[in-house]
Amino acid sequence: WLATHIWEYYDYTRDLTFLKETGYELIKSSADFAVDYLWHKP
């Protein structure tokens, strides 16, 4: 949930440098956590 604010900041500012150098890794690693947390059912 916190990580969605990182994208929101980019979405408003369209600061590509921010997304590349700071924001993306925060979002990516958070998405990886969400995927791993889920139960892949039969």
PDB file of all heavy atoms in Angstrom:
ATOM      1  N   TRP A   1       0.841  -1.197   0.000  1.00  0.00           N
ATOM      2  CA  TRP A   1       0.000   0.000   0.000  1.00  0.00           C
ATOM      3  C   TRP A   1       0.880   1.253   0.000  1.00  0.00           C
ATOM      4  O   TRP A   1       0.657   2.184  -0.786  1.00  0.00           O
ATOM      5  CB  TRP A   1      -0.948  -0.016   1.193  1.00  0.00           C
ATOM      6  CG  TRP A   1      -1.956   1.103   1.215  1.00  0.00           C
ATOM      7  CD1 TRP A   1      -1.981   2.205   0.408  1.00  0.00           C
ATOM      8  CD2 TRP A   1      -3.095   1.209   2.060  1.00  0.00           C
ATOM      9  NE1 TRP A   1      -3.064   3.000   0.705  1.00  0.00           N
ATOM     10  CE2 TRP A   1      -3.765   2.407   1.715  1.00  0.00           C
ATOM     11  CE3 TRP A   1      -3.606   0.417   3.082  1.00  0.00           C
ATOM     12  CZ2 TRP A   1      -4.935   2.825   2.370  1.00  0.00           C
ATOM     13  CZ3 TRP A   1      -4.762   0.838   3.718  1.00  0.00           C
ATOM     14  CH2 TRP A   1      -5.426   2.028   3.369  1.00  0.00           C
ATOM     15  N   LEU A   2       1.893   1.272   0.870  1.00  0.00           N
ATOM     16  CA  LEU A   2       2.812   2.413   0.884  1.00  0.00           C
ATOM     17  C   LEU A   2       3.481   2.594  -0.477  1.00  0.00           C
ATOM     18  O   LEU A   2       3.640   3.721  -0.965  1.00  0.00           O
ATOM     19  CB  LEU A   2       3.872   2.211   1.962  1.00  0.00           C
ATOM     20  CG  LEU A   2       3.434   2.372   3.417  1.00  0.00           C
ATOM     21  CD1 LEU A   2       4.532   1.909   4.358  1.00  0.00           C
ATOM     22  CD2 LEU A   2       3.062   3.821   3.721  1.00  0.00           C
ATOM     23  N   ALA A   3       3.851   1.490  -1.104  1.00  0.00           N
ATOM     24  CA  ALA A   3       4.570   1.569  -2.375  1.00  0.00           C
ATOM     25  C   ALA A   3       3.714   2.154  -3.491  1.00  0.00           C
ATOM     26  O   ALA A   3       4.255   2.718  -4.452  1.00  0.00           O
ATOM     27  CB  ALA A   3       5.086   0.189  -2.773  1.00  0.00           C
ATOM     28  N   THR A   4       2.388   2.040  -3.382  1.00  0.00           N
ATOM     29  CA  THR A   4       1.547   2.640  -4.425  1.00  0.00           C
ATOM     30  C   THR A   4       1.705   4.152  -4.455  1.00  0.00           C
ATOM     31  O   THR A   4       1.478   4.786  -5.491  1.00  0.00           O
ATOM     32  CB  THR A   4       0.054   2.296  -4.222  1.00  0.00           C
ATOM     33  OG1 THR A   4      -0.428   2.858  -2.997  1.00  0.00           O
ATOM     34  CG2 THR A   4      -0.161   0.789  -4.238  1.00  0.00           C
ATOM     35  N   HIS A   5       2.115   4.750  -3.342  1.00  0.00           N
ATOM     36  CA  HIS A   5       2.339   6.200  -3.308  1.00  0.00           C
ATOM     37  C   HIS A   5       3.567   6.597  -4.120  1.00  0.00           C
ATOM     38  O   HIS A   5       3.668   7.742  -4.581  1.00  0.00           O
ATOM     39  CB  HIS A   5       2.474   6.683  -1.861  1.00  0.00           C
ATOM     40  CG  HIS A   5       1.172   6.736  -1.127  1.00  0.00           C
ATOM     41  ND1 HIS A   5       0.488   7.915  -0.890  1.00  0.00           N
ATOM     42  CD2 HIS A   5       0.401   5.761  -0.592  1.00  0.00           C
ATOM     43  CE1 HIS A   5      -0.633   7.666  -0.237  1.00  0.00           C
ATOM     44  NE2 HIS A   5      -0.698   6.357  -0.044  1.00  0.00           N
ATOM     45  N   ILE A   6       4.489   5.663  -4.267  1.00  0.00           N
ATOM     46  CA  ILE A   6       5.670   5.946  -5.095  1.00  0.00           C
ATOM     47  C   ILE A   6       5.243   6.145  -6.543  1.00  0.00           C
ATOM     48  O   ILE A   6       5.674   7.085  -7.222  1.00  0.00           O
ATOM     49  CB  ILE A   6       6.686   4.795  -4.984  1.00  0.00           C
ATOM     50  CG1 ILE A   6       7.090   4.562  -3.513  1.00  0.00           C
ATOM     51  CG2 ILE A   6       7.899   5.077  -5.854  1.00  0.00           C
ATOM     52  CD1 ILE A   6       7.793   5.718  -2.869  1.00  0.00           C
ATOM     53  N   TRP A   7       4.389   5.246  -7.030  1.00  0.00           N
ATOM     54  CA  TRP A   7       3.888   5.400  -8.394  1.00  0.00           C
ATOM     55  C   TRP A   7       3.041   6.666  -8.518  1.00  0.00           C
ATOM     56  O   TRP A   7       3.115   7.384  -9.525  1.00  0.00           O
ATOM     57  CB  TRP A   7       3.061   4.186  -8.813  1.00  0.00           C
ATOM     58  CG  TRP A   7       2.387   4.419 -10.132  1.00  0.00           C
ATOM     59  CD1 TRP A   7       1.071   4.733 -10.355  1.00  0.00           C
ATOM     60  CD2 TRP A   7       3.003   4.414 -11.422  1.00  0.00           C
ATOM     61  NE1 TRP A   7       0.826   4.899 -11.687  1.00  0.00           N
ATOM     62  CE2 TRP A   7       2.000   4.720 -12.378  1.00  0.00           C
ATOM     63  CE3 TRP A   7       4.300   4.175 -11.869  1.00  0.00           C
ATOM     64  CZ2 TRP A   7       2.257   4.785 -13.739  1.00  0.00           C
ATOM     65  CZ3 TRP A   7       4.558   4.249 -13.236  1.00  0.00           C
ATOM     66  CH2 TRP A   7       3.545   4.551 -14.155  1.00  0.00           C
ATOM     67  N   GLU A   8       2.234   6.953  -7.512  1.00  0.00           N
ATOM     68  CA  GLU A   8       1.394   8.153  -7.562  1.00  0.00           C
ATOM     69  C   GLU A   8       2.255   9.407  -7.729  1.00  0.00           C
ATOM     70  O   GLU A   8       1.913  10.303  -8.507  1.00  0.00           O
ATOM     71  CB  GLU A   8       0.537   8.273  -6.301  1.00  0.00           C
ATOM     72  CG  GLU A   8      -0.382   9.490  -6.320  1.00  0.00           C
ATOM     73  CD  GLU A   8      -1.231   9.615  -5.067  1.00  0.00           C
ATOM     74  OE1 GLU A   8      -0.846   9.046  -4.025  1.00  0.00           O
ATOM     75  OE2 GLU A   8      -2.260  10.285  -5.138  1.00  0.00           O
ATOM     76  N   TYR A   9       3.369   9.472  -6.990  1.00  0.00           N
ATOM     77  CA  TYR A   9       4.255  10.625  -7.118  1.00  0.00           C
ATOM     78  C   TYR A   9       4.778  10.740  -8.545  1.00  0.00           C
ATOM     79  O   TYR A   9       4.791  11.831  -9.135  1.00  0.00           O
ATOM     80  CB  TYR A   9       5.428  10.511  -6.130  1.00  0.00           C
ATOM     81  CG  TYR A   9       6.422  11.642  -6.264  1.00  0.00           C
ATOM     82  CD1 TYR A   9       6.150  12.883  -5.706  1.00  0.00           C
ATOM     83  CD2 TYR A   9       7.617  11.467  -6.960  1.00  0.00           C
ATOM     84  CE1 TYR A   9       7.060  13.928  -5.838  1.00  0.00           C
ATOM     85  CE2 TYR A   9       8.521  12.503  -7.101  1.00  0.00           C
ATOM     86  CZ  TYR A   9       8.236  13.735  -6.526  1.00  0.00           C
ATOM     87  OH  TYR A   9       9.128  14.770  -6.675  1.00  0.00           O
ATOM     88  N   TYR A  10       5.201   9.611  -9.125  1.00  0.00           N
ATOM     89  CA  TYR A  10       5.666   9.665 -10.511  1.00  0.00           C
ATOM     90  C   TYR A  10       4.523  10.040 -11.451  1.00  0.00           C
ATOM     91  O   TYR A  10       4.695  10.829 -12.391  1.00  0.00           O
ATOM     92  CB  TYR A  10       6.263   8.324 -10.959  1.00  0.00           C
ATOM     93  CG  TYR A  10       6.413   8.291 -12.471  1.00  0.00           C
ATOM     94  CD1 TYR A  10       7.442   9.002 -13.084  1.00  0.00           C
ATOM     95  CD2 TYR A  10       5.479   7.627 -13.262  1.00  0.00           C
ATOM     96  CE1 TYR A  10       7.546   9.030 -14.470  1.00  0.00           C
ATOM     97  CE2 TYR A  10       5.581   7.653 -14.646  1.00  0.00           C
ATOM     98  CZ  TYR A  10       6.613   8.362 -15.237  1.00  0.00           C
ATOM     99  OH  TYR A  10       6.706   8.413 -16.604  1.00  0.00           O
ATOM    100  N   ASP A  11       3.335   9.478 -11.228  1.00  0.00           N
ATOM    101  CA  ASP A  11       2.218   9.677 -12.138  1.00  0.00           C
ATOM    102  C   ASP A  11       1.858  11.164 -12.241  1.00  0.00           C
ATOM    103  O   ASP A  11       1.491  11.648 -13.317  1.00  0.00           O
ATOM    104  CB  ASP A  11       1.019   8.867 -11.656  1.00  0.00           C
ATOM    105  CG  ASP A  11       0.053   8.534 -12.773  1.00  0.00           C
ATOM    106  OD1 ASP A  11       0.445   8.646 -13.954  1.00  0.00           O
ATOM    107  OD2 ASP A  11      -1.098   8.162 -12.480  1.00  0.00           O
ATOM    108  N   TYR A  12       1.971  11.889 -11.125  1.00  0.00           N
ATOM    109  CA  TYR A  12       1.685  13.318 -11.143  1.00  0.00           C
ATOM    110  C   TYR A  12       2.847  14.126 -11.704  1.00  0.00           C
ATOM    111  O   TYR A  12       2.644  15.078 -12.449  1.00  0.00           O
ATOM    112  CB  TYR A  12       1.344  13.814  -9.735  1.00  0.00           C
ATOM    113  CG  TYR A  12      -0.111  13.650  -9.372  1.00  0.00           C
ATOM    114  CD1 TYR A  12      -0.561  12.523  -8.704  1.00  0.00           C
ATOM    115  CD2 TYR A  12      -1.045  14.635  -9.677  1.00  0.00           C
ATOM    116  CE1 TYR A  12      -1.901  12.370  -8.359  1.00  0.00           C
ATOM    117  CE2 TYR A  12      -2.387  14.499  -9.344  1.00  0.00           C
ATOM    118  CZ  TYR A  12      -2.804  13.364  -8.686  1.00  0.00           C
ATOM    119  OH  TYR A  12      -4.134  13.213  -8.352  1.00  0.00           O
ATOM    120  N   THR A  13       4.062  13.778 -11.316  1.00  0.00           N
ATOM    121  CA  THR A  13       5.216  14.597 -11.699  1.00  0.00           C
ATOM    122  C   THR A  13       5.799  14.222 -13.046  1.00  0.00           C
ATOM    123  O   THR A  13       6.427  15.048 -13.708  1.00  0.00           O
ATOM    124  CB  THR A  13       6.334  14.473 -10.655  1.00  0.00           C
ATOM    125  OG1 THR A  13       6.819  13.112 -10.628  1.00  0.00           O
ATOM    126  CG2 THR A  13       5.836  14.873  -9.265  1.00  0.00           C
ATOM    127  N   ARG A  14       5.631  12.932 -13.454  1.00  0.00           N
ATOM    128  CA  ARG A  14       6.271  12.383 -14.643  1.00  0.00           C
ATOM    129  C   ARG A  14       7.783  12.642 -14.619  1.00  0.00           C
ATOM    130  O   ARG A  14       8.400  12.926 -15.645  1.00  0.00           O
ATOM    131  CB  ARG A  14       5.634  12.951 -15.915  1.00  0.00           C
ATOM    132  CG  ARG A  14       4.164  12.570 -16.065  1.00  0.00           C
ATOM    133  CD  ARG A  14       3.988  11.063 -16.006  1.00  0.00           C
ATOM    134  NE  ARG A  14       2.606  10.647 -15.819  1.00  0.00           N
ATOM    135  CZ  ARG A  14       1.886  10.040 -16.768  1.00  0.00           C
ATOM    136  NH1 ARG A  14       2.413   9.806 -17.943  1.00  0.00           N
ATOM    137  NH2 ARG A  14       0.660   9.651 -16.508  1.00  0.00           N
ATOM    138  N   ASP A  15       8.341  12.518 -13.413  1.00  0.00           N
ATOM    139  CA  ASP A  15       9.786  12.677 -13.210  1.00  0.00           C
ATOM    140  C   ASP A  15      10.449  11.338 -13.518  1.00  0.00           C
ATOM    141  O   ASP A  15      10.555  10.460 -12.663  1.00  0.00           O
ATOM    142  CB  ASP A  15      10.059  13.110 -11.771  1.00  0.00           C
ATOM    143  CG  ASP A  15      11.530  13.408 -11.507  1.00  0.00           C
ATOM    144  OD1 ASP A  15      12.382  12.947 -12.291  1.00  0.00           O
ATOM    145  OD2 ASP A  15      11.830  14.079 -10.499  1.00  0.00           O
ATOM    146  N   LEU A  16      10.904  11.194 -14.754  1.00  0.00           N
ATOM    147  CA  LEU A  16      11.465   9.925 -15.208  1.00  0.00           C
ATOM    148  C   LEU A  16      12.744   9.565 -14.455  1.00  0.00           C
ATOM    149  O   LEU A  16      13.012   8.391 -14.174  1.00  0.00           O
ATOM    150  CB  LEU A  16      11.735   9.977 -16.709  1.00  0.00           C
ATOM    151  CG  LEU A  16      11.829   8.632 -17.432  1.00  0.00           C
ATOM    152  CD1 LEU A  16      10.534   7.855 -17.301  1.00  0.00           C
ATOM    153  CD2 LEU A  16      12.164   8.858 -18.906  1.00  0.00           C
ATOM    154  N   THR A  17      13.534  10.580 -14.118  1.00  0.00           N
ATOM    155  CA  THR A  17      14.766  10.331 -13.348  1.00  0.00           C
ATOM    156  C   THR A  17      14.435   9.745 -11.987  1.00  0.00           C
ATOM    157  O   THR A  17      15.085   8.802 -11.521  1.00  0.00           O
ATOM    158  CB  THR A  17      15.567  11.637 -13.186  1.00  0.00           C
ATOM    159  OG1 THR A  17      15.898  12.154 -14.476  1.00  0.00           O
ATOM    160  CG2 THR A  17      16.836  11.390 -12.398  1.00  0.00           C
ATOM    161  N   PHE A  18      13.419  10.299 -11.337  1.00  0.00           N
ATOM    162  CA  PHE A  18      12.988   9.763 -10.042  1.00  0.00           C
ATOM    163  C   PHE A  18      12.559   8.309 -10.183  1.00  0.00           C
ATOM    164  O   PHE A  18      12.943   7.452  -9.386  1.00  0.00           O
ATOM    165  CB  PHE A  18      11.829  10.585  -9.480  1.00  0.00           C
ATOM    166  CG  PHE A  18      11.101   9.898  -8.349  1.00  0.00           C
ATOM    167  CD1 PHE A  18      11.597   9.947  -7.061  1.00  0.00           C
ATOM    168  CD2 PHE A  18       9.936   9.176  -8.585  1.00  0.00           C
ATOM    169  CE1 PHE A  18      10.941   9.287  -6.017  1.00  0.00           C
ATOM    170  CE2 PHE A  18       9.278   8.526  -7.555  1.00  0.00           C
ATOM    171  CZ  PHE A  18       9.787   8.587  -6.269  1.00  0.00           C
ATOM    172  N   LEU A  19      11.749   8.018 -11.199  1.00  0.00           N
ATOM    173  CA  LEU A  19      11.250   6.651 -11.366  1.00  0.00           C
ATOM    174  C   LEU A  19      12.399   5.686 -11.611  1.00  0.00           C
ATOM    175  O   LEU A  19      12.437   4.589 -11.034  1.00  0.00           O
ATOM    176  CB  LEU A  19      10.265   6.594 -12.532  1.00  0.00           C
ATOM    177  CG  LEU A  19       9.584   5.237 -12.754  1.00  0.00           C
ATOM    178  CD1 LEU A  19       8.704   4.867 -11.566  1.00  0.00           C
ATOM    179  CD2 LEU A  19       8.772   5.244 -14.045  1.00  0.00           C
ATOM    180  N   LYS A  20      13.361   6.096 -12.414  1.00  0.00           N
ATOM    181  CA  LYS A  20      14.465   5.222 -12.779  1.00  0.00           C
ATOM    182  C   LYS A  20      15.426   5.015 -11.624  1.00  0.00           C
ATOM    183  O   LYS A  20      15.864   3.885 -11.352  1.00  0.00           O
ATOM    184  CB  LYS A  20      15.205   5.801 -13.980  1.00  0.00           C
ATOM    185  CG  LYS A  20      16.327   4.923 -14.509  1.00  0.00           C
ATOM    186  CD  LYS A  20      16.952   5.532 -15.759  1.00  0.00           C
ATOM    187  CE  LYS A  20      18.053   4.643 -16.320  1.00  0.00           C
ATOM    188  NZ  LYS A  20      18.649   5.219 -17.557  1.00  0.00           N
ATOM    189  N   GLU A  21      15.778   6.089 -10.918  1.00  0.00           N
ATOM    190  CA  GLU A  21      16.823   6.010  -9.907  1.00  0.00           C
ATOM    191  C   GLU A  21      16.307   5.658  -8.512  1.00  0.00           C
ATOM    192  O   GLU A  21      17.062   5.107  -7.706  1.00  0.00           O
ATOM    193  CB  GLU A  21      17.577   7.342  -9.855  1.00  0.00           C
ATOM    194  CG  GLU A  21      18.311   7.680 -11.147  1.00  0.00           C
ATOM    195  CD  GLU A  21      19.057   8.996 -11.062  1.00  0.00           C
ATOM    196  OE1 GLU A  21      18.953   9.673 -10.009  1.00  0.00           O
ATOM    197  OE2 GLU A  21      19.737   9.352 -12.047  1.00  0.00           O
ATOM    198  N   THR A  22      15.056   5.979  -8.216  1.00  0.00           N
ATOM    199  CA  THR A  22      14.541   5.779  -6.853  1.00  0.00           C
ATOM    200  C   THR A  22      13.270   4.944  -6.822  1.00  0.00           C
ATOM    201  O   THR A  22      13.169   3.957  -6.093  1.00  0.00           O
ATOM    202  CB  THR A  22      14.267   7.143  -6.180  1.00  0.00           C
ATOM    203  OG1 THR A  22      15.468   7.911  -6.146  1.00  0.00           O
ATOM    204  CG2 THR A  22      13.737   6.950  -4.767  1.00  0.00           C
ATOM    205  N   GLY A  23      12.275   5.339  -7.593  1.00  0.00           N
ATOM    206  CA  GLY A  23      10.944   4.785  -7.422  1.00  0.00           C
ATOM    207  C   GLY A  23      10.758   3.359  -7.894  1.00  0.00           C
ATOM    208  O   GLY A  23      10.115   2.547  -7.215  1.00  0.00           O
ATOM    209  N   TYR A  24      11.325   3.024  -9.045  1.00  0.00           N
ATOM    210  CA  TYR A  24      11.001   1.733  -9.651  1.00  0.00           C
ATOM    211  C   TYR A  24      11.395   0.554  -8.780  1.00  0.00           C
ATOM    212  O   TYR A  24      10.636  -0.408  -8.627  1.00  0.00           O
ATOM    213  CB  TYR A  24      11.648   1.606 -11.035  1.00  0.00           C
ATOM    214  CG  TYR A  24      11.355   0.271 -11.677  1.00  0.00           C
ATOM    215  CD1 TYR A  24      10.055  -0.077 -12.040  1.00  0.00           C
ATOM    216  CD2 TYR A  24      12.372  -0.668 -11.899  1.00  0.00           C
ATOM    217  CE1 TYR A  24       9.777  -1.313 -12.618  1.00  0.00           C
ATOM    218  CE2 TYR A  24      12.102  -1.892 -12.480  1.00  0.00           C
ATOM    219  CZ  TYR A  24      10.802  -2.219 -12.831  1.00  0.00           C
ATOM    220  OH  TYR A  24      10.512  -3.442 -13.392  1.00  0.00           O
ATOM    221  N   GLU A  25      12.580   0.600  -8.204  1.00  0.00           N
ATOM    222  CA  GLU A  25      13.033  -0.535  -7.396  1.00  0.00           C
ATOM    223  C   GLU A  25      12.135  -0.739  -6.186  1.00  0.00           C
ATOM    224  O   GLU A  25      11.873  -1.880  -5.772  1.00  0.00           O
ATOM    225  CB  GLU A  25      14.478  -0.321  -6.954  1.00  0.00           C
ATOM    226  CG  GLU A  25      15.115  -1.554  -6.321  1.00  0.00           C
ATOM    227  CD  GLU A  25      15.087  -2.786  -7.222  1.00  0.00           C
ATOM    228  OE1 GLU A  25      15.320  -2.625  -8.444  1.00  0.00           O
ATOM    229  OE2 GLU A  25      14.813  -3.893  -6.721  1.00  0.00           O
ATOM    230  N   LEU A  26      11.619   0.349  -5.603  1.00  0.00           N
ATOM    231  CA  LEU A  26      10.694   0.237  -4.473  1.00  0.00           C
ATOM    232  C   LEU A  26       9.398  -0.449  -4.906  1.00  0.00           C
ATOM    233  O   LEU A  26       8.855  -1.293  -4.189  1.00  0.00           O
ATOM    234  CB  LEU A  26      10.378   1.623  -3.903  1.00  0.00           C
ATOM    235  CG  LEU A  26      11.552   2.449  -3.363  1.00  0.00           C
ATOM    236  CD1 LEU A  26      11.065   3.827  -2.944  1.00  0.00           C
ATOM    237  CD2 LEU A  26      12.200   1.739  -2.181  1.00  0.00           C
ATOM    238  N   ILE A  27       8.906  -0.059  -6.072  1.00  0.00           N
ATOM    239  CA  ILE A  27       7.668  -0.640  -6.598  1.00  0.00           C
ATOM    240  C   ILE A  27       7.877  -2.098  -6.995  1.00  0.00           C
ATOM    241  O   ILE A  27       7.076  -2.981  -6.652  1.00  0.00           O
ATOM    242  CB  ILE A  27       7.174   0.179  -7.801  1.00  0.00           C
ATOM    243  CG1 ILE A  27       6.795   1.597  -7.364  1.00  0.00           C
ATOM    244  CG2 ILE A  27       6.004  -0.502  -8.483  1.00  0.00           C
ATOM    245  CD1 ILE A  27       6.546   2.552  -8.514  1.00  0.00           C
ATOM    246  N   LYS A  28       8.955  -2.364  -7.717  1.00  0.00           N
ATOM    247  CA  LYS A  28       9.236  -3.713  -8.208  1.00  0.00           C
ATOM    248  C   LYS A  28       9.374  -4.700  -7.049  1.00  0.00           C
ATOM    249  O   LYS A  28       8.760  -5.785  -7.059  1.00  0.00           O
ATOM    250  CB  LYS A  28      10.512  -3.710  -9.033  1.00  0.00           C
ATOM    251  CG  LYS A  28      10.975  -5.096  -9.470  1.00  0.00           C
ATOM    252  CD  LYS A  28      12.318  -5.041 -10.181  1.00  0.00           C
ATOM    253  CE  LYS A  28      12.826  -6.448 -10.503  1.00  0.00           C
ATOM    254  NZ  LYS A  28      14.148  -6.418 -11.178  1.00  0.00           N
ATOM    255  N   SER A  29      10.180  -4.352  -6.047  1.00  0.00           N
ATOM    256  CA  SER A  29      10.400  -5.279  -4.936  1.00  0.00           C
ATOM    257  C   SER A  29       9.138  -5.469  -4.111  1.00  0.00           C
ATOM    258  O   SER A  29       8.920  -6.540  -3.528  1.00  0.00           O
ATOM    259  CB  SER A  29      11.554  -4.795  -4.051  1.00  0.00           C
ATOM    260  OG  SER A  29      11.334  -3.482  -3.593  1.00  0.00           O
ATOM    261  N   SER A  30       8.289  -4.467  -4.076  1.00  0.00           N
ATOM    262  CA  SER A  30       7.020  -4.602  -3.370  1.00  0.00           C
ATOM    263  C   SER A  30       6.074  -5.523  -4.136  1.00  0.00           C
ATOM    264  O   SER A  30       5.368  -6.349  -3.540  1.00  0.00           O
ATOM    265  CB  SER A  30       6.379  -3.222  -3.181  1.00  0.00           C
ATOM    266  OG  SER A  30       5.206  -3.315  -2.406  1.00  0.00           O
ATOM    267  N   ALA A  31       6.078  -5.406  -5.466  1.00  0.00           N
ATOM    268  CA  ALA A  31       5.251  -6.300  -6.284  1.00  0.00           C
ATOM    269  C   ALA A  31       5.734  -7.747  -6.165  1.00  0.00           C
ATOM    270  O   ALA A  31       4.923  -8.684  -6.114  1.00  0.00           O
ATOM    271  CB  ALA A  31       5.290  -5.841  -7.744  1.00  0.00           C
ATOM    272  N   ASP A  32       7.051  -7.936  -6.111  1.00  0.00           N
ATOM    273  CA  ASP A  32       7.598  -9.286  -5.929  1.00  0.00           C
ATOM    274  C   ASP A  32       7.136  -9.882  -4.606  1.00  0.00           C
ATOM    275  O   ASP A  32       6.796 -11.073  -4.524  1.00  0.00           O
ATOM    276  CB  ASP A  32       9.122  -9.251  -5.981  1.00  0.00           C
ATOM    277  CG  ASP A  32       9.656  -9.081  -7.393  1.00  0.00           C
ATOM    278  OD1 ASP A  32       8.897  -9.323  -8.351  1.00  0.00           O
ATOM    279  OD2 ASP A  32      10.829  -8.699  -7.539  1.00  0.00           O
ATOM    280  N   PHE A  33       7.113  -9.057  -3.561  1.00  0.00           N
ATOM    281  CA  PHE A  33       6.618  -9.557  -2.275  1.00  0.00           C
ATOM    282  C   PHE A  33       5.161  -9.991  -2.401  1.00  0.00           C
ATOM    283  O   PHE A  33       4.771 -11.064  -1.917  1.00  0.00           O
ATOM    284  CB  PHE A  33       6.733  -8.495  -1.184  1.00  0.00           C
ATOM    285  CG  PHE A  33       5.984  -8.866   0.067  1.00  0.00           C
ATOM    286  CD1 PHE A  33       6.523  -9.772   0.964  1.00  0.00           C
ATOM    287  CD2 PHE A  33       4.711  -8.351   0.314  1.00  0.00           C
ATOM    288  CE1 PHE A  33       5.815 -10.163   2.104  1.00  0.00           C
ATOM    289  CE2 PHE A  33       3.999  -8.731   1.449  1.00  0.00           C
ATOM    290  CZ  PHE A  33       4.553  -9.627   2.342  1.00  0.00           C
ATOM    291  N   ALA A  34       4.337  -9.157  -3.028  1.00  0.00           N
ATOM    292  CA  ALA A  34       2.916  -9.479  -3.158  1.00  0.00           C
ATOM    293  C   ALA A  34       2.714 -10.797  -3.892  1.00  0.00           C
ATOM    294  O   ALA A  34       1.889 -11.632  -3.501  1.00  0.00           O
ATOM    295  CB  ALA A  34       2.199  -8.338  -3.884  1.00  0.00           C
ATOM    296  N   VAL A  35       3.476 -11.023  -4.969  1.00  0.00           N
ATOM    297  CA  VAL A  35       3.366 -12.273  -5.730  1.00  0.00           C
ATOM    298  C   VAL A  35       3.740 -13.465  -4.864  1.00  0.00           C
ATOM    299  O   VAL A  35       3.036 -14.491  -4.840  1.00  0.00           O
ATOM    300  CB  VAL A  35       4.263 -12.211  -6.979  1.00  0.00           C
ATOM    301  CG1 VAL A  35       4.428 -13.593  -7.600  1.00  0.00           C
ATOM    302  CG2 VAL A  35       3.678 -11.243  -8.003  1.00  0.00           C
ATOM    303  N   ASP A  36       4.850 -13.350  -4.144  1.00  0.00           N
ATOM    304  CA  ASP A  36       5.313 -14.469  -3.320  1.00  0.00           C
ATOM    305  C   ASP A  36       4.389 -14.736  -2.144  1.00  0.00           C
ATOM    306  O   ASP A  36       4.295 -15.871  -1.656  1.00  0.00           O
ATOM    307  CB  ASP A  36       6.726 -14.191  -2.800  1.00  0.00           C
ATOM    308  CG  ASP A  36       7.771 -14.314  -3.884  1.00  0.00           C
ATOM    309  OD1 ASP A  36       7.400 -14.604  -5.040  1.00  0.00           O
ATOM    310  OD2 ASP A  36       8.969 -14.113  -3.576  1.00  0.00           O
ATOM    311  N   TYR A  37       3.706 -13.698  -1.670  1.00  0.00           N
ATOM    312  CA  TYR A  37       2.819 -13.874  -0.526  1.00  0.00           C
ATOM    313  C   TYR A  37       1.581 -14.684  -0.894  1.00  0.00           C
ATOM    314  O   TYR A  37       1.043 -15.434  -0.079  1.00  0.00           O
ATOM    315  CB  TYR A  37       2.384 -12.509   0.026  1.00  0.00           C
ATOM    316  CG  TYR A  37       1.491 -12.641   1.228  1.00  0.00           C
ATOM    317  CD1 TYR A  37       2.035 -12.876   2.484  1.00  0.00           C
ATOM    318  CD2 TYR A  37       0.099 -12.597   1.105  1.00  0.00           C
ATOM    319  CE1 TYR A  37       1.221 -13.045   3.587  1.00  0.00           C
ATOM    320  CE2 TYR A  37      -0.719 -12.770   2.192  1.00  0.00           C
ATOM    321  CZ  TYR A  37      -0.156 -12.988   3.439  1.00  0.00           C
ATOM    322  OH  TYR A  37      -0.957 -13.172   4.526  1.00  0.00           O
ATOM    323  N   LEU A  38       1.131 -14.569  -2.112  1.00  0.00           N
ATOM    324  CA  LEU A  38      -0.120 -15.210  -2.516  1.00  0.00           C
ATOM    325  C   LEU A  38       0.006 -16.733  -2.555  1.00  0.00           C
ATOM    326  O   LEU A  38       1.075 -17.285  -2.802  1.00  0.00           O
ATOM    327  CB  LEU A  38      -0.543 -14.699  -3.890  1.00  0.00           C
ATOM    328  CG  LEU A  38      -0.906 -13.213  -3.975  1.00  0.00           C
ATOM    329  CD1 LEU A  38      -1.100 -12.803  -5.425  1.00  0.00           C
ATOM    330  CD2 LEU A  38      -2.143 -12.893  -3.147  1.00  0.00           C
ATOM    331  N   TRP A  39      -1.116 -17.391  -2.349  1.00  0.00           N
ATOM    332  CA  TRP A  39      -1.217 -18.855  -2.445  1.00  0.00           C
ATOM    333  C   TRP A  39      -1.676 -19.219  -3.854  1.00  0.00           C
ATOM    334  O   TRP A  39      -2.750 -18.805  -4.302  1.00  0.00           O
ATOM    335  CB  TRP A  39      -2.214 -19.364  -1.401  1.00  0.00           C
ATOM    336  CG  TRP A  39      -2.550 -20.818  -1.504  1.00  0.00           C
ATOM    337  CD1 TRP A  39      -1.762 -21.827  -1.961  1.00  0.00           C
ATOM    338  CD2 TRP A  39      -3.798 -21.429  -1.114  1.00  0.00           C
ATOM    339  NE1 TRP A  39      -2.418 -23.037  -1.888  1.00  0.00           N
ATOM    340  CE2 TRP A  39      -3.668 -22.822  -1.371  1.00  0.00           C
ATOM    341  CE3 TRP A  39      -4.978 -20.946  -0.570  1.00  0.00           C
ATOM    342  CZ2 TRP A  39      -4.693 -23.718  -1.105  1.00  0.00           C
ATOM    343  CZ3 TRP A  39      -6.005 -21.838  -0.299  1.00  0.00           C
ATOM    344  CH2 TRP A  39      -5.866 -23.213  -0.563  1.00  0.00           C
ATOM    345  N   HIS A  40      -0.822 -19.959  -4.563  1.00  0.00           N
ATOM    346  CA  HIS A  40      -1.180 -20.437  -5.894  1.00  0.00           C
ATOM    347  C   HIS A  40      -1.974 -21.725  -5.722  1.00  0.00           C
ATOM    348  O   HIS A  40      -1.418 -22.792  -5.498  1.00  0.00           O
ATOM    349  CB  HIS A  40       0.073 -20.665  -6.740  1.00  0.00           C
ATOM    350  CG  HIS A  40      -0.209 -20.885  -8.185  1.00  0.00           C
ATOM    351  ND1 HIS A  40       0.728 -21.374  -9.064  1.00  0.00           N
ATOM    352  CD2 HIS A  40      -1.341 -20.687  -8.929  1.00  0.00           C
ATOM    353  CE1 HIS A  40       0.193 -21.457 -10.270  1.00  0.00           C
ATOM    354  NE2 HIS A  40      -1.051 -21.053 -10.212  1.00  0.00           N
ATOM    355  N   LYS A  41      -3.268 -21.644  -5.858  1.00  0.00           N
ATOM    356  CA  LYS A  41      -4.149 -22.773  -5.573  1.00  0.00           C
ATOM    357  C   LYS A  41      -4.098 -23.815  -6.698  1.00  0.00           C
ATOM    358  O   LYS A  41      -3.698 -23.508  -7.831  1.00  0.00           O
ATOM    359  CB  LYS A  41      -5.584 -22.265  -5.390  1.00  0.00           C
ATOM    360  CG  LYS A  41      -5.747 -21.304  -4.221  1.00  0.00           C
ATOM    361  CD  LYS A  41      -7.165 -20.784  -4.107  1.00  0.00           C
ATOM    362  CE  LYS A  41      -8.117 -21.875  -3.671  1.00  0.00           C
ATOM    363  NZ  LYS A  41      -9.494 -21.344  -3.439  1.00  0.00           N
ATOM    364  N   PRO A  42      -4.474 -25.038  -6.393  1.00  0.00           N
ATOM    365  CA  PRO A  42      -4.462 -26.100  -7.421  1.00  0.00           C
ATOM    366  C   PRO A  42      -5.295 -25.770  -8.651  1.00  0.00           C
ATOM    367  O   PRO A  42      -5.011 -26.267  -9.747  1.00  0.00           O
ATOM    368  CB  PRO A  42      -5.037 -27.307  -6.670  1.00  0.00           C
ATOM    369  CG  PRO A  42      -4.686 -27.049  -5.240  1.00  0.00           C
ATOM    370  CD  PRO A  42      -4.797 -25.562  -5.056  1.00  0.00           C
TER     371      PRO A  42
END
